[in-house]
């Protein structure tokens, strides 16, 4: 078993700095735009719902400036189909 305290075994992202910034009123609109873009791309695979979640989806909340989105799928079987799809 790996020693969890041995930093050489950690993934690269585990040592990255996380910046929390002041709220940006454009995050909610950016989330809407990105949802529409993804729905356009993924609707051919039966995706009908994408959610903007996380701290940038909450107005006036300081957050890391990353828009987090999640697509709802009917089955994990769809993941392979989507990952092999051509965009």
Foldseek 3Di string as FASTA:
>chain_A
DDDPVPCVPDPPVVPDDFDWAWQDPCLCVVLVVVFVVVCVVCVVLVFDDKDFDDDNNDGGGTGRPDTDMDTDDPDPVSVVVSVPDDD
